[in-house]
Amino acid sequence: MASEKILNDKKEIVKEIIDNIKNSESVILFQYQGLTVAEMSELRNKLNQESSSVRIYKNTLLKRALDELNINMNDFLEGPNAVLFGKTLLEPIKIIADFAKDHDKLDIRVGIISGDVASLDVIKEYASIPSREGLLTMLAGGMIQYVRDLAVGLNLYAEKLEGKE
């Protein structure tokens, strides 16, 4: 039988997992088997820049935490899994999706986005959304046409007024 200390340590880990899930906008479960230590370090460094982290837990402890949160991801809790906890919604998803494109050993399985379980297709949709800067550039590019049309119209109107004098 497990000692009291070991049981308490496991309860603390489950509590940590629950807290991390509750405090994260995006949670991604992925398989990392086959990635080198350098590749995992590279991924962790990229995610750390976005206030996100990657943790590796035993599947049994992860299952207990998910059960307490009434989240069913049992079909994905096989083999070596890692969990990405993202403080923001889009950037961590974009980082891990781009990393998965370059490293075929990384396999994104499922996620929790804003408290709801998200399939791989939903995660890919979120990853395809442009960054905030990209969206602002698109907005500015769309608005510049109206400003240009207004400037041309005002110029034509000014020329028309000059011609009447």
N, C-alpha and C. Protein backbone atom coordinates (compact mmCIF):
# COMPACT_ATOMS: atom_id res chain seq x y z
N MET A 1 0.84 -1.18 0.00
CA MET A 1 0.00 0.00 0.00
C MET A 1 0.89 1.24 0.00
N ALA A 2 0.45 2.25 -0.71
CA ALA A 2 1.24 3.48 -0.82
C ALA A 2 1.28 4.21 0.52
N SER A 3 2.39 4.83 0.76
CA SER A 3 2.54 5.55 2.02
C SER A 3 1.71 6.84 1.98
N GLU A 4 1.50 7.39 3.15
CA GLU A 4 0.72 8.62 3.28
C GLU A 4 1.40 9.78 2.55
N LYS A 5 2.73 9.81 2.60
CA LYS A 5 3.48 10.88 1.94
C LYS A 5 3.28 10.83 0.43
N ILE A 6 3.35 9.64 -0.14
CA ILE A 6 3.18 9.48 -1.59
C ILE A 6 1.77 9.89 -1.99
N LEU A 7 0.77 9.48 -1.22
CA LEU A 7 -0.61 9.85 -1.53
C LEU A 7 -0.81 11.37 -1.47
N ASN A 8 -0.22 12.00 -0.48
CA ASN A 8 -0.32 13.46 -0.37
C ASN A 8 0.38 14.16 -1.53
N ASP A 9 1.53 13.62 -1.95
CA ASP A 9 2.24 14.19 -3.09
C ASP A 9 1.38 14.09 -4.36
N LYS A 10 0.73 12.96 -4.54
CA LYS A 10 -0.13 12.78 -5.71
C LYS A 10 -1.33 13.73 -5.65
N LYS A 11 -1.90 13.91 -4.48
CA LYS A 11 -3.02 14.85 -4.34
C LYS A 11 -2.58 16.27 -4.67
N GLU A 12 -1.37 16.64 -4.27
CA GLU A 12 -0.84 17.96 -4.59
C GLU A 12 -0.66 18.14 -6.10
N ILE A 13 -0.19 17.09 -6.75
CA ILE A 13 0.00 17.15 -8.21
C ILE A 13 -1.35 17.30 -8.90
N VAL A 14 -2.36 16.55 -8.46
CA VAL A 14 -3.70 16.65 -9.04
C VAL A 14 -4.24 18.07 -8.84
N LYS A 15 -4.03 18.63 -7.65
CA LYS A 15 -4.47 19.99 -7.36
C LYS A 15 -3.75 20.98 -8.27
N GLU A 16 -2.45 20.77 -8.50
CA GLU A 16 -1.67 21.63 -9.39
C GLU A 16 -2.23 21.58 -10.81
N ILE A 17 -2.55 20.39 -11.29
CA ILE A 17 -3.10 20.23 -12.63
C ILE A 17 -4.43 20.99 -12.74
N ILE A 18 -5.29 20.82 -11.74
CA ILE A 18 -6.59 21.50 -11.75
C ILE A 18 -6.40 23.01 -11.77
N ASP A 19 -5.50 23.51 -10.94
CA ASP A 19 -5.24 24.96 -10.91
C ASP A 19 -4.71 25.46 -12.25
N ASN A 20 -3.80 24.70 -12.85
CA ASN A 20 -3.25 25.10 -14.15
C ASN A 20 -4.32 25.13 -15.23
N ILE A 21 -5.22 24.15 -15.23
CA ILE A 21 -6.29 24.13 -16.22
C ILE A 21 -7.24 25.30 -16.01
N LYS A 22 -7.60 25.56 -14.76
CA LYS A 22 -8.52 26.67 -14.47
C LYS A 22 -7.92 28.02 -14.81
N ASN A 23 -6.61 28.17 -14.69
CA ASN A 23 -5.96 29.46 -14.93
C ASN A 23 -5.44 29.62 -16.36
N SER A 24 -5.80 28.70 -17.24
CA SER A 24 -5.30 28.74 -18.61
C SER A 24 -6.45 28.97 -19.59
N GLU A 25 -6.20 29.82 -20.58
CA GLU A 25 -7.17 30.02 -21.65
C GLU A 25 -7.13 28.87 -22.65
N SER A 26 -5.95 28.31 -22.84
CA SER A 26 -5.80 27.19 -23.77
C SER A 26 -4.94 26.10 -23.13
N VAL A 27 -5.43 24.87 -23.24
CA VAL A 27 -4.72 23.70 -22.73
C VAL A 27 -4.67 22.70 -23.90
N ILE A 28 -3.47 22.27 -24.24
CA ILE A 28 -3.30 21.35 -25.36
C ILE A 28 -2.60 20.09 -24.86
N LEU A 29 -3.19 18.94 -25.16
CA LEU A 29 -2.59 17.65 -24.83
C LEU A 29 -1.92 17.12 -26.09
N PHE A 30 -0.63 16.80 -25.99
CA PHE A 30 0.09 16.32 -27.16
C PHE A 30 1.07 15.23 -26.79
N GLN A 31 1.40 14.40 -27.78
CA GLN A 31 2.41 13.36 -27.60
C GLN A 31 3.74 13.91 -28.08
N TYR A 32 4.76 13.62 -27.33
CA TYR A 32 6.09 14.17 -27.62
C TYR A 32 7.12 13.08 -27.88
N GLN A 33 6.72 11.84 -27.85
CA GLN A 33 7.67 10.73 -27.99
C GLN A 33 8.42 10.85 -29.32
N GLY A 34 9.73 10.82 -29.24
CA GLY A 34 10.56 10.93 -30.43
C GLY A 34 11.24 12.28 -30.55
N LEU A 35 10.76 13.28 -29.79
CA LEU A 35 11.43 14.58 -29.80
C LEU A 35 12.68 14.51 -28.94
N THR A 36 13.70 15.20 -29.38
CA THR A 36 14.94 15.23 -28.60
C THR A 36 14.78 16.23 -27.45
N VAL A 37 15.71 16.16 -26.51
CA VAL A 37 15.69 17.10 -25.39
C VAL A 37 15.86 18.53 -25.92
N ALA A 38 16.69 18.71 -26.92
CA ALA A 38 16.91 20.04 -27.50
C ALA A 38 15.63 20.57 -28.14
N GLU A 39 14.89 19.70 -28.82
CA GLU A 39 13.64 20.14 -29.45
C GLU A 39 12.59 20.50 -28.40
N MET A 40 12.50 19.71 -27.34
CA MET A 40 11.56 20.05 -26.26
C MET A 40 11.97 21.35 -25.59
N SER A 41 13.26 21.57 -25.41
CA SER A 41 13.73 22.82 -24.82
C SER A 41 13.39 24.01 -25.71
N GLU A 42 13.55 23.82 -27.00
CA GLU A 42 13.20 24.88 -27.96
C GLU A 42 11.71 25.23 -27.86
N LEU A 43 10.87 24.20 -27.80
CA LEU A 43 9.42 24.43 -27.66
C LEU A 43 9.10 25.14 -26.35
N ARG A 44 9.71 24.69 -25.28
CA ARG A 44 9.47 25.32 -23.97
C ARG A 44 9.91 26.78 -23.97
N ASN A 45 11.05 27.08 -24.59
CA ASN A 45 11.53 28.46 -24.65
C ASN A 45 10.57 29.36 -25.43
N LYS A 46 10.08 28.86 -26.56
CA LYS A 46 9.13 29.64 -27.35
C LYS A 46 7.85 29.90 -26.55
N LEU A 47 7.40 28.89 -25.83
CA LEU A 47 6.16 29.05 -25.05
C LEU A 47 6.37 29.93 -23.83
N ASN A 48 7.55 29.87 -23.22
CA ASN A 48 7.84 30.72 -22.06
C ASN A 48 7.76 32.19 -22.42
N GLN A 49 8.10 32.54 -23.66
CA GLN A 49 8.02 33.92 -24.10
C GLN A 49 6.58 34.41 -24.13
N GLU A 50 5.62 33.50 -24.21
CA GLU A 50 4.20 33.85 -24.23
C GLU A 50 3.53 33.53 -22.90
N SER A 51 4.31 33.41 -21.83
CA SER A 51 3.79 33.08 -20.49
C SER A 51 3.01 31.77 -20.48
N SER A 52 3.50 30.81 -21.23
CA SER A 52 2.90 29.48 -21.30
C SER A 52 3.93 28.45 -20.86
N SER A 53 3.45 27.25 -20.53
CA SER A 53 4.38 26.23 -20.07
C SER A 53 3.95 24.85 -20.56
N VAL A 54 4.91 23.95 -20.58
CA VAL A 54 4.67 22.55 -20.92
C VAL A 54 5.02 21.72 -19.70
N ARG A 55 4.11 20.86 -19.32
CA ARG A 55 4.34 19.97 -18.17
C ARG A 55 4.05 18.54 -18.61
N ILE A 56 4.75 17.62 -17.99
CA ILE A 56 4.52 16.19 -18.24
C ILE A 56 4.05 15.57 -16.94
N TYR A 57 2.87 14.97 -16.99
CA TYR A 57 2.28 14.32 -15.83
C TYR A 57 1.96 12.87 -16.17
N LYS A 58 1.84 12.06 -15.13
CA LYS A 58 1.37 10.70 -15.34
C LYS A 58 -0.09 10.77 -15.79
N ASN A 59 -0.46 9.90 -16.73
CA ASN A 59 -1.82 9.91 -17.26
C ASN A 59 -2.86 9.66 -16.17
N THR A 60 -2.53 8.83 -15.18
CA THR A 60 -3.50 8.55 -14.12
C THR A 60 -3.80 9.80 -13.30
N LEU A 61 -2.77 10.61 -13.02
CA LEU A 61 -2.98 11.85 -12.27
C LEU A 61 -3.73 12.87 -13.12
N LEU A 62 -3.40 12.93 -14.39
CA LEU A 62 -4.10 13.83 -15.29
C LEU A 62 -5.57 13.44 -15.41
N LYS A 63 -5.83 12.14 -15.47
CA LYS A 63 -7.21 11.66 -15.54
C LYS A 63 -7.99 12.04 -14.28
N ARG A 64 -7.37 11.91 -13.13
CA ARG A 64 -8.06 12.28 -11.87
C ARG A 64 -8.41 13.76 -11.87
N ALA A 65 -7.49 14.59 -12.31
CA ALA A 65 -7.74 16.03 -12.35
C ALA A 65 -8.87 16.35 -13.32
N LEU A 66 -8.85 15.73 -14.50
CA LEU A 66 -9.90 15.97 -15.49
C LEU A 66 -11.25 15.47 -14.99
N ASP A 67 -11.25 14.34 -14.29
CA ASP A 67 -12.50 13.82 -13.73
C ASP A 67 -13.09 14.78 -12.71
N GLU A 68 -12.24 15.39 -11.90
CA GLU A 68 -12.73 16.36 -10.92
C GLU A 68 -13.31 17.60 -11.58
N LEU A 69 -12.82 17.94 -12.77
CA LEU A 69 -13.32 19.08 -13.51
C LEU A 69 -14.47 18.70 -14.45
N ASN A 70 -14.86 17.43 -14.43
CA ASN A 70 -15.92 16.90 -15.32
C ASN A 70 -15.57 17.10 -16.80
N ILE A 71 -14.34 16.83 -17.13
CA ILE A 71 -13.87 16.90 -18.51
C ILE A 71 -13.47 15.50 -18.94
N ASN A 72 -14.05 15.03 -20.04
CA ASN A 72 -13.77 13.68 -20.50
C ASN A 72 -12.78 13.71 -21.67
N MET A 73 -11.56 13.29 -21.38
CA MET A 73 -10.54 13.16 -22.42
C MET A 73 -9.87 11.79 -22.30
N ASN A 74 -10.62 10.80 -21.80
CA ASN A 74 -10.06 9.48 -21.51
C ASN A 74 -9.50 8.79 -22.75
N ASP A 75 -10.09 9.06 -23.92
CA ASP A 75 -9.62 8.40 -25.14
C ASP A 75 -8.21 8.83 -25.53
N PHE A 76 -7.75 9.94 -24.98
CA PHE A 76 -6.45 10.48 -25.37
C PHE A 76 -5.37 10.28 -24.32
N LEU A 77 -5.71 9.64 -23.20
CA LEU A 77 -4.76 9.49 -22.10
C LEU A 77 -4.02 8.15 -22.18
N GLU A 78 -3.41 7.91 -23.31
CA GLU A 78 -2.60 6.70 -23.50
C GLU A 78 -1.24 7.13 -24.04
N GLY A 79 -0.22 6.47 -23.59
CA GLY A 79 1.12 6.78 -24.05
C GLY A 79 1.67 8.01 -23.38
N PRO A 80 2.88 8.39 -23.77
CA PRO A 80 3.51 9.56 -23.14
C PRO A 80 2.89 10.86 -23.66
N ASN A 81 2.25 11.59 -22.76
CA ASN A 81 1.59 12.85 -23.10
C ASN A 81 2.25 14.01 -22.37
N ALA A 82 2.20 15.15 -22.98
CA ALA A 82 2.62 16.40 -22.34
C ALA A 82 1.43 17.35 -22.44
N VAL A 83 1.41 18.32 -21.55
CA VAL A 83 0.29 19.27 -21.52
C VAL A 83 0.85 20.68 -21.63
N LEU A 84 0.29 21.43 -22.56
CA LEU A 84 0.63 22.84 -22.72
C LEU A 84 -0.43 23.66 -22.00
N PHE A 85 0.00 24.54 -21.12
CA PHE A 85 -0.91 25.46 -20.43
C PHE A 85 -0.62 26.86 -20.95
N GLY A 86 -1.58 27.43 -21.66
CA GLY A 86 -1.41 28.75 -22.25
C GLY A 86 -2.21 29.80 -21.50
N LYS A 87 -1.54 30.85 -21.08
CA LYS A 87 -2.23 31.94 -20.37
C LYS A 87 -3.09 32.76 -21.32
N THR A 88 -2.70 32.82 -22.60
CA THR A 88 -3.50 33.50 -23.61
C THR A 88 -4.13 32.46 -24.51
N LEU A 89 -5.04 32.90 -25.35
CA LEU A 89 -5.79 31.95 -26.17
C LEU A 89 -5.05 31.54 -27.43
N LEU A 90 -4.66 32.48 -28.26
CA LEU A 90 -4.18 32.14 -29.59
C LEU A 90 -2.69 31.83 -29.70
N GLU A 91 -1.85 32.64 -29.11
CA GLU A 91 -0.41 32.50 -29.35
C GLU A 91 0.15 31.12 -28.99
N PRO A 92 -0.18 30.53 -27.83
CA PRO A 92 0.35 29.19 -27.56
C PRO A 92 -0.11 28.15 -28.58
N ILE A 93 -1.35 28.27 -29.02
CA ILE A 93 -1.87 27.33 -30.02
C ILE A 93 -1.10 27.49 -31.33
N LYS A 94 -0.85 28.74 -31.73
CA LYS A 94 -0.11 28.99 -32.95
C LYS A 94 1.32 28.45 -32.85
N ILE A 95 1.95 28.64 -31.69
CA ILE A 95 3.33 28.19 -31.50
C ILE A 95 3.42 26.68 -31.61
N ILE A 96 2.53 25.96 -30.91
CA ILE A 96 2.63 24.50 -30.93
C ILE A 96 2.22 23.94 -32.29
N ALA A 97 1.27 24.58 -32.98
CA ALA A 97 0.87 24.12 -34.32
C ALA A 97 2.02 24.31 -35.30
N ASP A 98 2.70 25.45 -35.25
CA ASP A 98 3.85 25.68 -36.12
C ASP A 98 4.98 24.71 -35.79
N PHE A 99 5.19 24.47 -34.51
CA PHE A 99 6.23 23.52 -34.10
C PHE A 99 5.91 22.11 -34.59
N ALA A 100 4.63 21.74 -34.55
CA ALA A 100 4.21 20.41 -35.01
C ALA A 100 4.41 20.26 -36.52
N LYS A 101 4.28 21.35 -37.27
CA LYS A 101 4.51 21.29 -38.72
C LYS A 101 5.97 20.97 -39.02
N ASP A 102 6.87 21.53 -38.21
CA ASP A 102 8.30 21.34 -38.43
C ASP A 102 8.83 20.05 -37.81
N HIS A 103 8.12 19.50 -36.83
CA HIS A 103 8.57 18.30 -36.12
C HIS A 103 7.45 17.27 -36.16
N ASP A 104 7.57 16.30 -37.08
CA ASP A 104 6.49 15.34 -37.25
C ASP A 104 6.33 14.37 -36.07
N LYS A 105 7.27 14.37 -35.16
CA LYS A 105 7.15 13.51 -33.96
C LYS A 105 6.15 14.08 -32.96
N LEU A 106 5.91 15.38 -33.00
CA LEU A 106 4.96 16.01 -32.09
C LEU A 106 3.55 15.81 -32.65
N ASP A 107 2.68 15.24 -31.84
CA ASP A 107 1.33 14.91 -32.29
C ASP A 107 0.31 15.58 -31.36
N ILE A 108 -0.33 16.63 -31.85
CA ILE A 108 -1.37 17.30 -31.06
C ILE A 108 -2.59 16.38 -31.04
N ARG A 109 -3.14 16.15 -29.84
CA ARG A 109 -4.23 15.19 -29.71
C ARG A 109 -5.57 15.85 -29.47
N VAL A 110 -5.64 16.70 -28.44
CA VAL A 110 -6.91 17.32 -28.05
C VAL A 110 -6.59 18.54 -27.20
N GLY A 111 -7.56 19.39 -26.99
CA GLY A 111 -7.31 20.57 -26.18
C GLY A 111 -8.53 21.01 -25.40
N ILE A 112 -8.29 21.97 -24.53
CA ILE A 112 -9.37 22.64 -23.80
C ILE A 112 -9.19 24.12 -24.09
N ILE A 113 -10.16 24.69 -24.78
CA ILE A 113 -10.08 26.10 -25.16
C ILE A 113 -11.20 26.84 -24.45
N SER A 114 -10.85 27.76 -23.58
CA SER A 114 -11.81 28.54 -22.79
C SER A 114 -12.79 27.64 -22.05
N GLY A 115 -12.29 26.53 -21.54
CA GLY A 115 -13.10 25.64 -20.71
C GLY A 115 -13.83 24.54 -21.45
N ASP A 116 -13.81 24.55 -22.78
CA ASP A 116 -14.50 23.53 -23.57
C ASP A 116 -13.50 22.63 -24.27
N VAL A 117 -13.82 21.33 -24.34
CA VAL A 117 -12.95 20.39 -25.03
C VAL A 117 -12.96 20.71 -26.52
N ALA A 118 -11.78 20.76 -27.12
CA ALA A 118 -11.64 21.12 -28.53
C ALA A 118 -10.91 20.00 -29.27
N SER A 119 -11.47 19.59 -30.38
CA SER A 119 -10.85 18.55 -31.20
C SER A 119 -9.67 19.12 -31.97
N LEU A 120 -8.96 18.25 -32.64
CA LEU A 120 -7.80 18.67 -33.42
C LEU A 120 -8.20 19.66 -34.51
N ASP A 121 -9.37 19.46 -35.13
CA ASP A 121 -9.84 20.37 -36.18
C ASP A 121 -10.05 21.78 -35.64
N VAL A 122 -10.64 21.88 -34.45
CA VAL A 122 -10.87 23.19 -33.84
C VAL A 122 -9.54 23.86 -33.51
N ILE A 123 -8.61 23.08 -33.01
CA ILE A 123 -7.28 23.62 -32.68
C ILE A 123 -6.61 24.15 -33.94
N LYS A 124 -6.73 23.42 -35.05
CA LYS A 124 -6.15 23.87 -36.32
C LYS A 124 -6.80 25.16 -36.80
N GLU A 125 -8.11 25.30 -36.59
CA GLU A 125 -8.79 26.54 -36.97
C GLU A 125 -8.25 27.72 -36.16
N TYR A 126 -8.09 27.53 -34.87
CA TYR A 126 -7.54 28.59 -34.03
C TYR A 126 -6.11 28.93 -34.46
N ALA A 127 -5.35 27.91 -34.83
CA ALA A 127 -3.96 28.15 -35.24
C ALA A 127 -3.88 28.94 -36.54
N SER A 128 -4.92 28.86 -37.38
CA SER A 128 -4.89 29.56 -38.66
C SER A 128 -5.31 31.02 -38.55
N ILE A 129 -5.82 31.44 -37.40
CA ILE A 129 -6.21 32.84 -37.22
C ILE A 129 -4.94 33.69 -37.16
N PRO A 130 -4.91 34.78 -37.91
CA PRO A 130 -3.72 35.65 -37.87
C PRO A 130 -3.51 36.24 -36.48
N SER A 131 -2.30 36.63 -36.22
CA SER A 131 -1.98 37.25 -34.93
C SER A 131 -2.67 38.61 -34.82
N ARG A 132 -2.62 39.19 -33.65
CA ARG A 132 -3.26 40.50 -33.43
C ARG A 132 -2.67 41.54 -34.38
N GLU A 133 -1.36 41.53 -34.52
CA GLU A 133 -0.71 42.49 -35.42
C GLU A 133 -1.15 42.25 -36.86
N GLY A 134 -1.27 40.98 -37.25
CA GLY A 134 -1.73 40.65 -38.59
C GLY A 134 -3.15 41.13 -38.84
N LEU A 135 -4.02 40.95 -37.85
CA LEU A 135 -5.41 41.41 -37.98
C LEU A 135 -5.48 42.93 -38.08
N LEU A 136 -4.66 43.62 -37.27
CA LEU A 136 -4.65 45.08 -37.34
C LEU A 136 -4.13 45.57 -38.70
N THR A 137 -3.15 44.88 -39.25
CA THR A 137 -2.63 45.23 -40.57
C THR A 137 -3.71 45.03 -41.63
N MET A 138 -4.45 43.92 -41.53
CA MET A 138 -5.53 43.67 -42.48
C MET A 138 -6.61 44.74 -42.36
N LEU A 139 -6.93 45.14 -41.14
CA LEU A 139 -7.93 46.18 -40.92
C LEU A 139 -7.46 47.51 -41.52
N ALA A 140 -6.22 47.87 -41.26
CA ALA A 140 -5.69 49.12 -41.80
C ALA A 140 -5.66 49.07 -43.32
N GLY A 141 -5.28 47.94 -43.88
CA GLY A 141 -5.25 47.80 -45.34
C GLY A 141 -6.64 47.95 -45.95
N GLY A 142 -7.64 47.42 -45.27
CA GLY A 142 -9.01 47.56 -45.76
C GLY A 142 -9.52 48.98 -45.64
N MET A 143 -9.13 49.66 -44.58
CA MET A 143 -9.60 51.04 -44.36
C MET A 143 -8.89 52.04 -45.26
N ILE A 144 -7.68 51.76 -45.66
CA ILE A 144 -6.92 52.71 -46.47
C ILE A 144 -7.59 52.96 -47.81
N GLN A 145 -8.30 51.96 -48.35
CA GLN A 145 -9.00 52.14 -49.63
C GLN A 145 -10.07 53.22 -49.50
N TYR A 146 -10.79 53.22 -48.38
CA TYR A 146 -11.83 54.23 -48.17
C TYR A 146 -11.22 55.62 -48.02
N VAL A 147 -10.11 55.69 -47.32
CA VAL A 147 -9.43 56.97 -47.16
C VAL A 147 -8.93 57.48 -48.51
N ARG A 148 -8.39 56.58 -49.32
CA ARG A 148 -7.91 56.94 -50.65
C ARG A 148 -9.07 57.45 -51.51
N ASP A 149 -10.21 56.73 -51.49
CA ASP A 149 -11.38 57.15 -52.27
C ASP A 149 -11.88 58.51 -51.81
N LEU A 150 -11.90 58.74 -50.50
CA LEU A 150 -12.32 60.03 -49.96
C LEU A 150 -11.38 61.14 -50.42
N ALA A 151 -10.07 60.88 -50.39
CA ALA A 151 -9.10 61.88 -50.82
C ALA A 151 -9.28 62.21 -52.30
N VAL A 152 -9.51 61.22 -53.14
CA VAL A 152 -9.72 61.45 -54.57
C VAL A 152 -11.00 62.25 -54.77
N GLY A 153 -12.06 61.87 -54.06
CA GLY A 153 -13.34 62.59 -54.18
C GLY A 153 -13.21 64.04 -53.76
N LEU A 154 -12.53 64.29 -52.64
CA LEU A 154 -12.34 65.67 -52.18
C LEU A 154 -11.50 66.47 -53.16
N ASN A 155 -10.49 65.83 -53.72
CA ASN A 155 -9.64 66.50 -54.70
C ASN A 155 -10.45 66.87 -55.94
N LEU A 156 -11.28 65.97 -56.44
CA LEU A 156 -12.12 66.26 -57.61
C LEU A 156 -13.10 67.38 -57.30
N TYR A 157 -13.66 67.36 -56.12
CA TYR A 157 -14.60 68.40 -55.71
C TYR A 157 -13.89 69.75 -55.62
N ALA A 158 -12.69 69.75 -55.05
CA ALA A 158 -11.91 70.99 -54.96
C ALA A 158 -11.58 71.53 -56.36
N GLU A 159 -11.21 70.67 -57.30
CA GLU A 159 -10.92 71.08 -58.66
C GLU A 159 -12.17 71.64 -59.33
N LYS A 160 -13.31 71.04 -59.06
CA LYS A 160 -14.58 71.51 -59.63
C LYS A 160 -14.90 72.90 -59.12
N LEU A 161 -14.69 73.12 -57.80
CA LEU A 161 -14.95 74.43 -57.22
C LEU A 161 -13.99 75.49 -57.80
N GLU A 162 -12.76 75.14 -58.02
CA GLU A 162 -11.78 76.06 -58.58
C GLU A 162 -12.16 76.45 -60.00
N GLY A 163 -12.75 75.51 -60.72
CA GLY A 163 -13.16 75.78 -62.10
C GLY A 163 -14.33 76.73 -62.20
N LYS A 164 -15.20 76.85 -61.17
CA LYS A 164 -16.37 77.71 -61.20
C LYS A 164 -15.99 79.16 -60.92
N GLU A 165 -14.89 79.42 -60.29
CA GLU A 165 -14.53 80.80 -59.90
C GLU A 165 -14.04 81.60 -61.05
